[in-house]
Amino acid sequence: MRARFQQWLNRPRTIQIGGRPFVSEGLTQRIWDDIYHFALTIRWPTFFGLAAAGFLALNTVFAALYQLGDHAIANQFPRNFAGAFFFSVETLATVGYGDMHPQTLYAHIVATAEIFAGMLSIALVTGLVFSRFSRPRAKMLFADHPVIHLVHGKHTLMIRAANARQNVIAEASAKLHLLLRETSPEGFRLRRIHDLKLMRDRHPVFTLSWSLMHIIDESSPLHGLSREELASTEATLMLCIEGIDETTSQSMLARRQWSHREWRWNHRYIDLVHDDEQGVSHIDYGVFHHVLPVQENEDSERF
């Protein structure tokens, strides 16, 4: 039994890096080693389910302790375990309806311990709920496909992003990286991260959309690479956008990655903004992810 439990703790875990699954082995996954992170990252239904289970378990334990005493609770109703359980709930919540109350020294000691445990548990759950609600969460859109086409006669990699809340994200900054699997001259396989310089990596007021562009010139890590070479190196783009949300005055961070299979060569994005007959500008997020092919002779399959 112990061996099975240890095997369950050391079970493999699958994570996605660059669109490729990696199986992580050899790490013990014990919830109590990082219970705070676990409580913040589980889904809301699971969180409330575990909180309810802990509440019931704690009241069950104290109800059993009350039952061990000799007529520990005055006016206990029902006279069985259920009455002790309901009294425990009232004591843990510090409600105190008054009908049932401790009437022996033993019961007072147990009630004192339960009230102390109740104060700690309420403070703990309240703090976790507040932390989960107050955590800053960015609501940004990223285009499904990076596109490559000619801009002013230069091969340009372009990625479209948008602020879905449409509030102000001040001093937004973007960083674009290229992840390649390479082999060193000594024969060692490694995954290297290359920085891709953006034409504009800062946006003072990021409210609607943002087109991030990287020129593929001689200084670019993408220069001279073909589609086949990108596939063989398992090329992956990683984009991070960070800024200050003026609504909450908190730092916001969003990221997205695209494998080489999601890139679109000789394509461009459909324009989001158009003007109506009255000259009013409209931005249509319904075509946010849509791309159109450009003339094949405008581009090639090698940068």
Foldseek 3Di string as FASTA:
>chain_A
DVVVVQCVQQDWDWDADLNDIDTDGDDGNDCVVPVLVVLQPDDPVVNVVVLVVVLQVLLLVLLVQCVVDDPQKPQQPPPDSVSSSVVLVCLLVVPCPPNIDGDDPSSVVSSVVSVVVSVVSVVVSVVSVCCNVPDDEFDKDKAQAWEWFDDPRFTKTKIKMFRPVLAWFAFKFKWKKKWWFDADPVGDTDIDIGTFDWPDGTDGTGGTMDMTMGTADPPGPQAFDFLVNLVVRFMKMKMKMWGAGPVSRDIYIDMDMHTSVRYHYQKDADAQWDADPVRDIGGHCVRVRPIDHHDPVRDDRGD
